[in-house]
Structure formats: structure tokens, C-alpha cells
């Protein structure tokens, strides 16, 4: 059950980060889940574990880490599109 909650929370965090930045995450729902989980790992590694936690994911560091991840990925994909 905890794994399913982690996937849901990761997807919501990925979606929220994309909405805050106004960027679409490639891959749709699966992309949001992956971005949310990887962003949660990145945010927890940089900022530690603080704030409320659901499904083993600390919400605030995860959101900040996912915003950073989405911004970097969007920049890379944007640069790749300009080269074509």
C-alpha cells in the first residue's frame, strides 16, 4: 500500500511542479510520477527531510527538487529543439 501512495504523491508533485513552471513534463502521467519521485530524491538529498511527509516523501523538499529537475529538463529539451 505504501508503494501505491508513493506513486500517487510522486505523480501529484510532478504535476504541481509542471504547473508552477508552466512546462509540460514529457511522458504524461508516467513522466509526472518519475519526475516527482526523482525530484523527491533530489530535494531530500539537497534539503533534507522536513515538513509533512506522505508515502515516505517529504512534501516541501520534494516539490523544490522536482521544480529544479523540471526546469533543468525543460532547458535541455528546449536547447535540443532549437538545434534542429
PDB file of N, CA and C in Angstrom:
ATOM      1  N   UNK A   1       0.826  -1.194   0.000  1.00  0.00           N
ATOM      2  CA  UNK A   1       0.000   0.000   0.000  1.00  0.00           C
ATOM      3  C   UNK A   1       0.867   1.254   0.000  1.00  0.00           C
ATOM      4  N   UNK A   2       1.996   1.229   0.699  1.00  0.00           N
ATOM      5  CA  UNK A   2       2.872   2.390   0.772  1.00  0.00           C
ATOM      6  C   UNK A   2       3.469   2.748  -0.579  1.00  0.00           C
ATOM      7  N   UNK A   3       3.723   1.728  -1.418  1.00  0.00           N
ATOM      8  CA  UNK A   3       4.283   1.960  -2.748  1.00  0.00           C
ATOM      9  C   UNK A   3       3.284   2.694  -3.627  1.00  0.00           C
ATOM     10  N   UNK A   4       2.011   2.316  -3.524  1.00  0.00           N
ATOM     11  CA  UNK A   4       0.969   2.977  -4.321  1.00  0.00           C
ATOM     12  C   UNK A   4       0.815   4.426  -3.890  1.00  0.00           C
ATOM     13  N   UNK A   5       0.846   4.679  -2.588  1.00  0.00           N
ATOM     14  CA  UNK A   5       0.754   6.055  -2.080  1.00  0.00           C
ATOM     15  C   UNK A   5       1.951   6.866  -2.561  1.00  0.00           C
ATOM     16  N   UNK A   6       3.137   6.260  -2.575  1.00  0.00           N
ATOM     17  CA  UNK A   6       4.334   6.953  -3.058  1.00  0.00           C
ATOM     18  C   UNK A   6       4.181   7.321  -4.536  1.00  0.00           C
ATOM     19  N   UNK A   7       3.628   6.426  -5.345  1.00  0.00           N
ATOM     20  CA  UNK A   7       3.408   6.719  -6.758  1.00  0.00           C
ATOM     21  C   UNK A   7       2.404   7.852  -6.948  1.00  0.00           C
ATOM     22  N   UNK A   8       1.346   7.840  -6.160  1.00  0.00           N
ATOM     23  CA  UNK A   8       0.335   8.893  -6.258  1.00  0.00           C
ATOM     24  C   UNK A   8       0.913  10.239  -5.845  1.00  0.00           C
ATOM     25  N   UNK A   9       1.618  10.269  -4.719  1.00  0.00           N
ATOM     26  CA  UNK A   9       2.225  11.511  -4.240  1.00  0.00           C
ATOM     27  C   UNK A   9       3.278  12.004  -5.239  1.00  0.00           C
ATOM     28  N   UNK A  10       4.081  11.094  -5.778  1.00  0.00           N
ATOM     29  CA  UNK A  10       5.074  11.470  -6.787  1.00  0.00           C
ATOM     30  C   UNK A  10       4.430  12.060  -8.020  1.00  0.00           C
ATOM     31  N   UNK A  11       3.329  11.461  -8.468  1.00  0.00           N
ATOM     32  CA  UNK A  11       2.608  11.998  -9.620  1.00  0.00           C
ATOM     33  C   UNK A  11       2.031  13.372  -9.360  1.00  0.00           C
ATOM     34  N   UNK A  12       1.458  13.569  -8.180  1.00  0.00           N
ATOM     35  CA  UNK A  12       0.900  14.885  -7.833  1.00  0.00           C
ATOM     36  C   UNK A  12       1.990  15.947  -7.728  1.00  0.00           C
ATOM     37  N   UNK A  13       3.116  15.595  -7.141  1.00  0.00           N
ATOM     38  CA  UNK A  13       4.219  16.549  -7.017  1.00  0.00           C
ATOM     39  C   UNK A  13       4.780  16.885  -8.400  1.00  0.00           C
ATOM     40  N   UNK A  14       4.918  15.881  -9.271  1.00  0.00           N
ATOM     41  CA  UNK A  14       5.381  16.131 -10.629  1.00  0.00           C
ATOM     42  C   UNK A  14       4.437  17.033 -11.391  1.00  0.00           C
ATOM     43  N   UNK A  15       3.137  16.776 -11.260  1.00  0.00           N
ATOM     44  CA  UNK A  15       2.131  17.615 -11.915  1.00  0.00           C
ATOM     45  C   UNK A  15       2.168  19.042 -11.377  1.00  0.00           C
ATOM     46  N   UNK A  16       2.266  19.188 -10.061  1.00  0.00           N
ATOM     47  CA  UNK A  16       2.280  20.510  -9.444  1.00  0.00           C
ATOM     48  C   UNK A  16       3.518  21.304  -9.850  1.00  0.00           C
ATOM     49  N   UNK A  17       4.665  20.650  -9.911  1.00  0.00           N
ATOM     50  CA  UNK A  17       5.891  21.334 -10.333  1.00  0.00           C
ATOM     51  C   UNK A  17       5.771  21.800 -11.782  1.00  0.00           C
ATOM     52  N   UNK A  18       5.208  20.966 -12.645  1.00  0.00           N
ATOM     53  CA  UNK A  18       4.995  21.366 -14.036  1.00  0.00           C
ATOM     54  C   UNK A  18       4.025  22.527 -14.144  1.00  0.00           C
ATOM     55  N   UNK A  19       2.987  22.517 -13.308  1.00  0.00           N
ATOM     56  CA  UNK A  19       2.006  23.600 -13.322  1.00  0.00           C
ATOM     57  C   UNK A  19       2.607  24.905 -12.810  1.00  0.00           C
ATOM     58  N   UNK A  20       3.447  24.837 -11.792  1.00  0.00           N
ATOM     59  CA  UNK A  20       4.085  26.035 -11.252  1.00  0.00           C
ATOM     60  C   UNK A  20       5.002  26.663 -12.292  1.00  0.00           C
ATOM     61  N   UNK A  21       5.763  25.833 -13.001  1.00  0.00           N
ATOM     62  CA  UNK A  21       6.690  26.343 -14.014  1.00  0.00           C
ATOM     63  C   UNK A  21       6.012  26.621 -15.349  1.00  0.00           C
ATOM     64  N   UNK A  22       4.808  26.111 -15.549  1.00  0.00           N
ATOM     65  CA  UNK A  22       4.126  26.264 -16.819  1.00  0.00           C
ATOM     66  C   UNK A  22       4.742  25.420 -17.919  1.00  0.00           C
ATOM     67  N   UNK A  23       5.344  24.316 -17.556  1.00  0.00           N
ATOM     68  CA  UNK A  23       6.008  23.412 -18.504  1.00  0.00           C
ATOM     69  C   UNK A  23       5.311  22.066 -18.489  1.00  0.00           C
ATOM     70  N   UNK A  24       5.233  21.427 -19.650  1.00  0.00           N
ATOM     71  CA  UNK A  24       4.726  20.064 -19.718  1.00  0.00           C
ATOM     72  C   UNK A  24       5.882  19.100 -19.521  1.00  0.00           C
ATOM     73  N   UNK A  25       5.633  18.095 -18.716  1.00  0.00           N
ATOM     74  CA  UNK A  25       6.649  17.075 -18.495  1.00  0.00           C
ATOM     75  C   UNK A  25       6.439  15.997 -19.546  1.00  0.00           C
ATOM     76  N   UNK A  26       7.482  15.658 -20.307  1.00  0.00           N
ATOM     77  CA  UNK A  26       7.320  14.610 -21.325  1.00  0.00           C
ATOM     78  C   UNK A  26       6.918  13.281 -20.693  1.00  0.00           C
ATOM     79  N   UNK A  27       6.016  12.571 -21.324  1.00  0.00           N
ATOM     80  CA  UNK A  27       5.621  11.259 -20.836  1.00  0.00           C
ATOM     81  C   UNK A  27       4.292  11.235 -20.121  1.00  0.00           C
ATOM     82  N   UNK A  28       3.625  12.360 -19.992  1.00  0.00           N
ATOM     83  CA  UNK A  28       2.306  12.397 -19.371  1.00  0.00           C
ATOM     84  C   UNK A  28       2.324  11.993 -17.911  1.00  0.00           C
ATOM     85  N   UNK A  29       1.406  11.114 -17.554  1.00  0.00           N
ATOM     86  CA  UNK A  29       1.263  10.695 -16.157  1.00  0.00           C
ATOM     87  C   UNK A  29       2.510   9.960 -15.674  1.00  0.00           C
ATOM     88  N   UNK A  30       3.048   9.079 -16.501  1.00  0.00           N
ATOM     89  CA  UNK A  30       4.255   8.338 -16.122  1.00  0.00           C
ATOM     90  C   UNK A  30       5.418   9.312 -15.934  1.00  0.00           C
ATOM     91  N   UNK A  31       5.523  10.308 -16.797  1.00  0.00           N
ATOM     92  CA  UNK A  31       6.570  11.322 -16.670  1.00  0.00           C
ATOM     93  C   UNK A  31       6.422  12.115 -15.383  1.00  0.00           C
ATOM     94  N   UNK A  32       5.162  12.446 -15.007  1.00  0.00           N
ATOM     95  CA  UNK A  32       4.928  13.155 -13.748  1.00  0.00           C
ATOM     96  C   UNK A  32       5.350  12.322 -12.556  1.00  0.00           C
ATOM     97  N   UNK A  33       5.029  11.031 -12.590  1.00  0.00           N
ATOM     98  CA  UNK A  33       5.396  10.150 -11.479  1.00  0.00           C
ATOM     99  C   UNK A  33       6.914  10.044 -11.370  1.00  0.00           C
ATOM    100  N   UNK A  34       7.578   9.830 -12.499  1.00  0.00           N
ATOM    101  CA  UNK A  34       9.041   9.710 -12.483  1.00  0.00           C
ATOM    102  C   UNK A  34       9.681  11.015 -12.027  1.00  0.00           C
ATOM    103  N   UNK A  35       9.201  12.140 -12.567  1.00  0.00           N
ATOM    104  CA  UNK A  35       9.757  13.442 -12.171  1.00  0.00           C
ATOM    105  C   UNK A  35       9.534  13.698 -10.688  1.00  0.00           C
ATOM    106  N   UNK A  36       8.361  13.344 -10.177  1.00  0.00           N
ATOM    107  CA  UNK A  36       8.068  13.543  -8.757  1.00  0.00           C
ATOM    108  C   UNK A  36       8.946  12.706  -7.851  1.00  0.00           C
ATOM    109  N   UNK A  37       9.163  11.447  -8.217  1.00  0.00           N
ATOM    110  CA  UNK A  37       9.984  10.566  -7.382  1.00  0.00           C
ATOM    111  C   UNK A  37      11.457  10.951  -7.456  1.00  0.00           C
ATOM    112  N   UNK A  38      11.953  11.214  -8.672  1.00  0.00           N
ATOM    113  CA  UNK A  38      13.359  11.629  -8.809  1.00  0.00           C
ATOM    114  C   UNK A  38      13.564  13.004  -8.162  1.00  0.00           C
ATOM    115  N   UNK A  39      12.602  13.903  -8.344  1.00  0.00           N
ATOM    116  CA  UNK A  39      12.689  15.219  -7.703  1.00  0.00           C
ATOM    117  C   UNK A  39      12.641  15.131  -6.187  1.00  0.00           C
ATOM    118  N   UNK A  40      11.859  14.185  -5.677  1.00  0.00           N
ATOM    119  CA  UNK A  40      11.810  13.974  -4.221  1.00  0.00           C
ATOM    120  C   UNK A  40      13.152  13.492  -3.709  1.00  0.00           C
ATOM    121  N   UNK A  41      13.777  12.591  -4.447  1.00  0.00           N
ATOM    122  CA  UNK A  41      15.101  12.121  -4.056  1.00  0.00           C
ATOM    123  C   UNK A  41      16.103  13.269  -4.098  1.00  0.00           C
ATOM    124  N   UNK A  42      16.071  14.058  -5.175  1.00  0.00           N
ATOM    125  CA  UNK A  42      16.983  15.193  -5.322  1.00  0.00           C
ATOM    126  C   UNK A  42      16.760  16.222  -4.216  1.00  0.00           C
ATOM    127  N   UNK A  43      15.507  16.577  -3.978  1.00  0.00           N
ATOM    128  CA  UNK A  43      15.193  17.554  -2.936  1.00  0.00           C
ATOM    129  C   UNK A  43      15.586  17.085  -1.554  1.00  0.00           C
ATOM    130  N   UNK A  44      15.364  15.814  -1.261  1.00  0.00           N
ATOM    131  CA  UNK A  44      15.742  15.281   0.051  1.00  0.00           C
ATOM    132  C   UNK A  44      17.252  15.223   0.208  1.00  0.00           C
ATOM    133  N   UNK A  45      17.964  14.947  -0.889  1.00  0.00           N
ATOM    134  CA  UNK A  45      19.427  14.910  -0.819  1.00  0.00           C
ATOM    135  C   UNK A  45      20.000  16.302  -0.584  1.00  0.00           C
ATOM    136  N   UNK A  46      19.381  17.313  -1.179  1.00  0.00           N
ATOM    137  CA  UNK A  46      19.888  18.686  -1.049  1.00  0.00           C
ATOM    138  C   UNK A  46      19.394  19.348   0.230  1.00  0.00           C
ATOM    139  N   UNK A  47      18.101  19.234   0.505  1.00  0.00           N
ATOM    140  CA  UNK A  47      17.486  19.997   1.593  1.00  0.00           C
ATOM    141  C   UNK A  47      17.160  19.179   2.835  1.00  0.00           C
ATOM    142  N   UNK A  48      17.302  17.865   2.770  1.00  0.00           N
ATOM    143  CA  UNK A  48      16.989  17.025   3.924  1.00  0.00           C
ATOM    144  C   UNK A  48      15.505  16.705   3.990  1.00  0.00           C
ATOM    145  N   UNK A  49      15.088  16.106   5.086  1.00  0.00           N
ATOM    146  CA  UNK A  49      13.690  15.713   5.281  1.00  0.00           C
ATOM    147  C   UNK A  49      13.062  16.656   6.293  1.00  0.00           C
ATOM    148  N   UNK A  50      12.145  17.497   5.843  1.00  0.00           N
ATOM    149  CA  UNK A  50      11.422  18.384   6.747  1.00  0.00           C
ATOM    150  C   UNK A  50      10.037  18.633   6.179  1.00  0.00           C
ATOM    151  N   UNK A  51       9.154  19.080   7.000  1.00  0.00           N
ATOM    152  CA  UNK A  51       7.784  19.321   6.574  1.00  0.00           C
ATOM    153  C   UNK A  51       6.961  18.044   6.610  1.00  0.00           C
ATOM    154  N   UNK A  52       5.728  18.161   6.160  1.00  0.00           N
ATOM    155  CA  UNK A  52       4.861  16.976   6.171  1.00  0.00           C
ATOM    156  C   UNK A  52       5.359  15.905   5.207  1.00  0.00           C
ATOM    157  N   UNK A  53       5.053  14.661   5.540  1.00  0.00           N
ATOM    158  CA  UNK A  53       5.516  13.530   4.740  1.00  0.00           C
ATOM    159  C   UNK A  53       4.341  12.601   4.452  1.00  0.00           C
ATOM    160  N   UNK A  54       4.191  12.232   3.186  1.00  0.00           N
ATOM    161  CA  UNK A  54       3.167  11.279   2.776  1.00  0.00           C
ATOM    162  C   UNK A  54       3.820  10.227   1.901  1.00  0.00           C
ATOM    163  N   UNK A  55       3.539   8.980   2.175  1.00  0.00           N
ATOM    164  CA  UNK A  55       4.083   7.892   1.368  1.00  0.00           C
ATOM    165  C   UNK A  55       5.597   7.843   1.357  1.00  0.00           C
ATOM    166  N   UNK A  56       6.227   8.317   2.419  1.00  0.00           N
ATOM    167  CA  UNK A  56       7.685   8.314   2.500  1.00  0.00           C
ATOM    168  C   UNK A  56       8.337   9.471   1.765  1.00  0.00           C
ATOM    169  N   UNK A  57       7.540  10.431   1.291  1.00  0.00           N
ATOM    170  CA  UNK A  57       8.070  11.587   0.557  1.00  0.00           C
ATOM    171  C   UNK A  57       7.796  12.842   1.370  1.00  0.00           C
ATOM    172  N   UNK A  58       8.852  13.577   1.709  1.00  0.00           N
ATOM    173  CA  UNK A  58       8.696  14.866   2.379  1.00  0.00           C
ATOM    174  C   UNK A  58       8.266  15.892   1.331  1.00  0.00           C
ATOM    175  N   UNK A  59       7.130  16.510   1.542  1.00  0.00           N
ATOM    176  CA  UNK A  59       6.459  17.287   0.503  1.00  0.00           C
ATOM    177  C   UNK A  59       7.266  18.503   0.045  1.00  0.00           C
ATOM    178  N   UNK A  60       7.707  19.359   0.952  1.00  0.00           N
ATOM    179  CA  UNK A  60       8.373  20.605   0.547  1.00  0.00           C
ATOM    180  C   UNK A  60       9.713  20.384  -0.146  1.00  0.00           C
ATOM    181  N   UNK A  61      10.613  19.567   0.409  1.00  0.00           N
ATOM    182  CA  UNK A  61      11.853  19.306  -0.330  1.00  0.00           C
ATOM    183  C   UNK A  61      11.597  18.612  -1.668  1.00  0.00           C
ATOM    184  N   UNK A  62      10.589  17.737  -1.709  1.00  0.00           N
ATOM    185  CA  UNK A  62      10.263  17.036  -2.954  1.00  0.00           C
ATOM    186  C   UNK A  62       9.773  18.017  -4.009  1.00  0.00           C
ATOM    187  N   UNK A  63       8.933  18.959  -3.613  1.00  0.00           N
ATOM    188  CA  UNK A  63       8.414  19.946  -4.561  1.00  0.00           C
ATOM    189  C   UNK A  63       9.536  20.837  -5.090  1.00  0.00           C
ATOM    190  N   UNK A  64      10.404  21.290  -4.203  1.00  0.00           N
ATOM    191  CA  UNK A  64      11.530  22.132  -4.626  1.00  0.00           C
ATOM    192  C   UNK A  64      12.470  21.343  -5.538  1.00  0.00           C
ATOM    193  N   UNK A  65      12.784  20.116  -5.180  1.00  0.00           N
ATOM    194  CA  UNK A  65      13.654  19.285  -6.006  1.00  0.00           C
ATOM    195  C   UNK A  65      13.038  18.986  -7.366  1.00  0.00           C
ATOM    196  N   UNK A  66      11.731  18.767  -7.410  1.00  0.00           N
ATOM    197  CA  UNK A  66      11.060  18.493  -8.671  1.00  0.00           C
ATOM    198  C   UNK A  66      11.005  19.734  -9.547  1.00  0.00           C
ATOM    199  N   UNK A  67      10.808  20.895  -8.952  1.00  0.00           N
ATOM    200  CA  UNK A  67      10.834  22.139  -9.728  1.00  0.00           C
ATOM    201  C   UNK A  67      12.208  22.327 -10.356  1.00  0.00           C
ATOM    202  N   UNK A  68      13.255  22.076  -9.589  1.00  0.00           N
ATOM    203  CA  UNK A  68      14.621  22.181 -10.130  1.00  0.00           C
ATOM    204  C   UNK A  68      14.813  21.187 -11.268  1.00  0.00           C
ATOM    205  N   UNK A  69      14.375  19.948 -11.070  1.00  0.00           N
ATOM    206  CA  UNK A  69      14.521  18.907 -12.087  1.00  0.00           C
ATOM    207  C   UNK A  69      13.754  19.265 -13.357  1.00  0.00           C
ATOM    208  N   UNK A  70      12.514  19.707 -13.229  1.00  0.00           N
ATOM    209  CA  UNK A  70      11.703  20.051 -14.397  1.00  0.00           C
ATOM    210  C   UNK A  70      12.305  21.236 -15.142  1.00  0.00           C
ATOM    211  N   UNK A  71      12.824  22.213 -14.405  1.00  0.00           N
ATOM    212  CA  UNK A  71      13.459  23.367 -15.053  1.00  0.00           C
ATOM    213  C   UNK A  71      14.687  22.935 -15.850  1.00  0.00           C
ATOM    214  N   UNK A  72      15.495  22.071 -15.294  1.00  0.00           N
ATOM    215  CA  UNK A  72      16.702  21.591 -15.993  1.00  0.00           C
ATOM    216  C   UNK A  72      16.325  20.773 -17.226  1.00  0.00           C
ATOM    217  N   UNK A  73      15.382  19.847 -17.066  1.00  0.00           N
ATOM    218  CA  UNK A  73      14.965  19.009 -18.193  1.00  0.00           C
ATOM    219  C   UNK A  73      14.327  19.862 -19.289  1.00  0.00           C
ATOM    220  N   UNK A  74      13.503  20.832 -18.923  1.00  0.00           N
ATOM    221  CA  UNK A  74      12.879  21.719 -19.913  1.00  0.00           C
ATOM    222  C   UNK A  74      13.930  22.534 -20.651  1.00  0.00           C
ATOM    223  N   UNK A  75      14.946  22.992 -19.938  1.00  0.00           N
ATOM    224  CA  UNK A  75      16.022  23.756 -20.571  1.00  0.00           C
ATOM    225  C   UNK A  75      16.780  22.889 -21.579  1.00  0.00           C
ATOM    226  N   UNK A  76      17.077  21.650 -21.183  1.00  0.00           N
ATOM    227  CA  UNK A  76      17.814  20.738 -22.069  1.00  0.00           C
ATOM    228  C   UNK A  76      16.980  20.405 -23.306  1.00  0.00           C
ATOM    229  N   UNK A  77      15.696  20.065 -23.117  1.00  0.00           N
ATOM    230  CA  UNK A  77      14.849  19.742 -24.263  1.00  0.00           C
ATOM    231  C   UNK A  77      14.641  20.958 -25.153  1.00  0.00           C
ATOM    232  N   UNK A  78      14.530  22.159 -24.564  1.00  0.00           N
ATOM    233  CA  UNK A  78      14.389  23.373 -25.353  1.00  0.00           C
ATOM    234  C   UNK A  78      15.620  23.653 -26.182  1.00  0.00           C
ATOM    235  N   UNK A  79      16.793  23.415 -25.611  1.00  0.00           N
ATOM    236  CA  UNK A  79      18.054  23.624 -26.345  1.00  0.00           C
ATOM    237  C   UNK A  79      18.191  22.603 -27.469  1.00  0.00           C
ATOM    238  N   UNK A  80      17.724  21.373 -27.230  1.00  0.00           N
ATOM    239  CA  UNK A  80      17.808  20.345 -28.260  1.00  0.00           C
ATOM    240  C   UNK A  80      16.855  20.660 -29.423  1.00  0.00           C
ATOM    241  N   UNK A  81      15.689  21.222 -29.125  1.00  0.00           N
ATOM    242  CA  UNK A  81      14.739  21.563 -30.176  1.00  0.00           C
ATOM    243  C   UNK A  81      15.242  22.711 -31.037  1.00  0.00           C
ATOM    244  N   UNK A  82      15.949  23.648 -30.444  1.00  0.00           N
ATOM    245  CA  UNK A  82      16.481  24.790 -31.190  1.00  0.00           C
ATOM    246  C   UNK A  82      17.581  24.373 -32.141  1.00  0.00           C
ATOM    247  N   UNK A  83      18.309  23.313 -31.818  1.00  0.00           N
ATOM    248  CA  UNK A  83      19.412  22.850 -32.665  1.00  0.00           C
ATOM    249  C   UNK A  83      18.904  22.216 -33.952  1.00  0.00           C
ATOM    250  N   UNK A  84      17.669  21.716 -33.959  1.00  0.00           N
ATOM    251  CA  UNK A  84      17.153  21.014 -35.142  1.00  0.00           C
ATOM    252  C   UNK A  84      16.738  21.951 -36.211  1.00  0.00           C
TER     253      UNK A  84
END
